[in-house]
């Protein structure tokens, strides 16, 4: 077992206005995202299952052509290899993602 403090995890900017901190075990990963207002995650897909939970702010998620605004307390489950994108609305937003398998590019 390993204990961690989010503030001590290495911050990594993955796109303009998008920073993540990651922690992982042997087979699962959790990421903590901080988004600046109006940050954009372009349309993409990956082999990982993804569960996103919004801690603060608002983000528009588009999954296979359907868009929904997620607010604090909302979440979404994205199966592997499903096309999706997101756009942060007009205030800073924070989210937590769970991943399986681990995203090596986020370590």
C-alpha atoms as a PDB file:
ATOM      1  CA  UNK A   1       0.000   0.000   0.000  1.00  0.00           C
ATOM      2  CA  UNK A   2       1.244   3.494  -0.832  1.00  0.00           C
ATOM      3  CA  UNK A   3      -0.105   6.713   0.603  1.00  0.00           C
ATOM      4  CA  UNK A   4      -0.030   9.893  -1.433  1.00  0.00           C
ATOM      5  CA  UNK A   5      -0.896  13.566  -1.225  1.00  0.00           C
ATOM      6  CA  UNK A   6      -2.330  15.070  -4.409  1.00  0.00           C
ATOM      7  CA  UNK A   7      -0.347  18.281  -3.994  1.00  0.00           C
ATOM      8  CA  UNK A   8       2.889  16.253  -3.970  1.00  0.00           C
ATOM      9  CA  UNK A   9       2.169  14.408  -7.227  1.00  0.00           C
ATOM     10  CA  UNK A  10       4.110  15.740 -10.212  1.00  0.00           C
ATOM     11  CA  UNK A  11       2.058  18.187 -12.304  1.00  0.00           C
ATOM     12  CA  UNK A  12       2.143  17.686 -16.075  1.00  0.00           C
ATOM     13  CA  UNK A  13       0.618  20.034 -18.665  1.00  0.00           C
ATOM     14  CA  UNK A  14      -0.865  17.816 -21.379  1.00  0.00           C
ATOM     15  CA  UNK A  15      -2.583  20.498 -23.494  1.00  0.00           C
ATOM     16  CA  UNK A  16      -2.870  24.262 -23.277  1.00  0.00           C
ATOM     17  CA  UNK A  17      -4.796  25.088 -20.099  1.00  0.00           C
ATOM     18  CA  UNK A  18      -4.927  21.454 -18.926  1.00  0.00           C
ATOM     19  CA  UNK A  19      -2.785  20.088 -16.095  1.00  0.00           C
ATOM     20  CA  UNK A  20      -2.884  16.625 -14.589  1.00  0.00           C
ATOM     21  CA  UNK A  21      -1.413  14.803 -11.645  1.00  0.00           C
ATOM     22  CA  UNK A  22      -1.458  11.005 -11.713  1.00  0.00           C
ATOM     23  CA  UNK A  23      -1.214   8.141  -9.263  1.00  0.00           C
ATOM     24  CA  UNK A  24      -1.330   4.452 -10.158  1.00  0.00           C
ATOM     25  CA  UNK A  25      -1.220   1.002  -8.726  1.00  0.00           C
ATOM     26  CA  UNK A  26      -0.269  -2.124 -10.602  1.00  0.00           C
ATOM     27  CA  UNK A  27      -3.385  -2.175 -12.835  1.00  0.00           C
ATOM     28  CA  UNK A  28      -5.401   0.998 -12.242  1.00  0.00           C
ATOM     29  CA  UNK A  29      -4.776   4.733 -12.425  1.00  0.00           C
ATOM     30  CA  UNK A  30      -6.392   7.891 -11.110  1.00  0.00           C
ATOM     31  CA  UNK A  31      -5.729  11.354 -12.519  1.00  0.00           C
ATOM     32  CA  UNK A  32      -6.553  14.757 -11.069  1.00  0.00           C
ATOM     33  CA  UNK A  33      -7.226  17.351 -13.773  1.00  0.00           C
ATOM     34  CA  UNK A  34      -7.219  21.135 -13.491  1.00  0.00           C
ATOM     35  CA  UNK A  35      -8.659  23.016 -16.464  1.00  0.00           C
ATOM     36  CA  UNK A  36      -8.446  26.715 -17.235  1.00  0.00           C
ATOM     37  CA  UNK A  37     -11.615  28.361 -18.579  1.00  0.00           C
ATOM     38  CA  UNK A  38     -12.363  27.487 -22.225  1.00  0.00           C
ATOM     39  CA  UNK A  39      -9.740  24.707 -22.392  1.00  0.00           C
ATOM     40  CA  UNK A  40     -10.446  22.152 -25.124  1.00  0.00           C
ATOM     41  CA  UNK A  41      -9.827  18.411 -25.282  1.00  0.00           C
ATOM     42  CA  UNK A  42      -9.970  17.560 -29.000  1.00  0.00           C
ATOM     43  CA  UNK A  43     -11.936  14.578 -30.253  1.00  0.00           C
ATOM     44  CA  UNK A  44     -10.063  11.339 -29.620  1.00  0.00           C
ATOM     45  CA  UNK A  45     -10.418   7.734 -28.484  1.00  0.00           C
ATOM     46  CA  UNK A  46      -8.205   5.302 -26.600  1.00  0.00           C
ATOM     47  CA  UNK A  47      -8.248   1.652 -25.512  1.00  0.00           C
ATOM     48  CA  UNK A  48      -8.658   2.633 -21.847  1.00  0.00           C
ATOM     49  CA  UNK A  49     -11.954   2.660 -19.964  1.00  0.00           C
ATOM     50  CA  UNK A  50     -12.413   6.088 -18.385  1.00  0.00           C
ATOM     51  CA  UNK A  51     -14.638   7.322 -15.567  1.00  0.00           C
ATOM     52  CA  UNK A  52     -14.701  11.098 -15.082  1.00  0.00           C
ATOM     53  CA  UNK A  53     -16.148  12.884 -12.027  1.00  0.00           C
ATOM     54  CA  UNK A  54     -16.448  16.687 -11.864  1.00  0.00           C
ATOM     55  CA  UNK A  55     -15.290  18.168  -8.554  1.00  0.00           C
ATOM     56  CA  UNK A  56     -15.712  21.853  -9.442  1.00  0.00           C
ATOM     57  CA  UNK A  57     -16.808  23.870 -12.471  1.00  0.00           C
ATOM     58  CA  UNK A  58     -18.519  22.846 -15.699  1.00  0.00           C
ATOM     59  CA  UNK A  59     -17.399  20.984 -18.785  1.00  0.00           C
ATOM     60  CA  UNK A  60     -19.243  20.060 -21.967  1.00  0.00           C
ATOM     61  CA  UNK A  61     -18.590  16.421 -22.876  1.00  0.00           C
ATOM     62  CA  UNK A  62     -19.374  15.087 -26.341  1.00  0.00           C
ATOM     63  CA  UNK A  63     -19.519  11.319 -26.726  1.00  0.00           C
ATOM     64  CA  UNK A  64     -20.364   9.837 -30.122  1.00  0.00           C
ATOM     65  CA  UNK A  65     -22.070  13.084 -31.176  1.00  0.00           C
ATOM     66  CA  UNK A  66     -24.120  13.620 -27.982  1.00  0.00           C
ATOM     67  CA  UNK A  67     -23.145  16.610 -25.807  1.00  0.00           C
ATOM     68  CA  UNK A  68     -24.020  17.066 -22.158  1.00  0.00           C
ATOM     69  CA  UNK A  69     -22.877  19.746 -19.693  1.00  0.00           C
ATOM     70  CA  UNK A  70     -21.402  18.122 -16.606  1.00  0.00           C
ATOM     71  CA  UNK A  71     -21.356  20.149 -13.386  1.00  0.00           C
ATOM     72  CA  UNK A  72     -19.993  19.580  -9.900  1.00  0.00           C
ATOM     73  CA  UNK A  73     -21.157  16.150  -8.731  1.00  0.00           C
ATOM     74  CA  UNK A  74     -21.782  14.803 -12.261  1.00  0.00           C
ATOM     75  CA  UNK A  75     -19.803  12.086 -13.984  1.00  0.00           C
ATOM     76  CA  UNK A  76     -19.520  10.013 -17.124  1.00  0.00           C
ATOM     77  CA  UNK A  77     -18.330   6.498 -17.988  1.00  0.00           C
ATOM     78  CA  UNK A  78     -16.537   6.245 -21.327  1.00  0.00           C
ATOM     79  CA  UNK A  79     -15.982   2.705 -22.662  1.00  0.00           C
ATOM     80  CA  UNK A  80     -12.780   1.886 -24.514  1.00  0.00           C
ATOM     81  CA  UNK A  81     -12.389   3.016 -28.127  1.00  0.00           C
ATOM     82  CA  UNK A  82     -15.355   5.444 -28.039  1.00  0.00           C
ATOM     83  CA  UNK A  83     -14.833   8.850 -29.714  1.00  0.00           C
ATOM     84  CA  UNK A  84     -15.165  11.764 -27.265  1.00  0.00           C
ATOM     85  CA  UNK A  85     -14.152  15.381 -26.694  1.00  0.00           C
ATOM     86  CA  UNK A  86     -14.677  18.089 -24.096  1.00  0.00           C
ATOM     87  CA  UNK A  87     -14.744  21.866 -23.704  1.00  0.00           C
ATOM     88  CA  UNK A  88     -14.465  23.616 -20.366  1.00  0.00           C
ATOM     89  CA  UNK A  89     -16.964  26.420 -19.887  1.00  0.00           C
ATOM     90  CA  UNK A  90     -16.165  29.878 -18.533  1.00  0.00           C
ATOM     91  CA  UNK A  91     -14.668  29.050 -15.113  1.00  0.00           C
ATOM     92  CA  UNK A  92     -11.794  26.934 -13.806  1.00  0.00           C
ATOM     93  CA  UNK A  93     -12.791  23.286 -13.528  1.00  0.00           C
ATOM     94  CA  UNK A  94     -11.416  20.291 -11.609  1.00  0.00           C
ATOM     95  CA  UNK A  95     -12.098  16.632 -12.319  1.00  0.00           C
ATOM     96  CA  UNK A  96     -10.913  13.189 -11.251  1.00  0.00           C
ATOM     97  CA  UNK A  97     -10.569  10.348 -13.760  1.00  0.00           C
ATOM     98  CA  UNK A  98     -10.181   6.622 -13.137  1.00  0.00           C
ATOM     99  CA  UNK A  99      -8.493   4.515 -15.846  1.00  0.00           C
ATOM    100  CA  UNK A 100      -8.109   0.882 -16.767  1.00  0.00           C
ATOM    101  CA  UNK A 101      -5.644  -0.149 -17.908  1.00  0.00           C
ATOM    102  CA  UNK A 102      -3.048   2.406 -16.854  1.00  0.00           C
ATOM    103  CA  UNK A 103      -2.302   5.212 -19.323  1.00  0.00           C
ATOM    104  CA  UNK A 104       1.452   5.055 -19.650  1.00  0.00           C
ATOM    105  CA  UNK A 105       1.456   8.491 -21.340  1.00  0.00           C
ATOM    106  CA  UNK A 106       0.068  10.029 -18.124  1.00  0.00           C
ATOM    107  CA  UNK A 107       2.681   8.587 -15.748  1.00  0.00           C
END
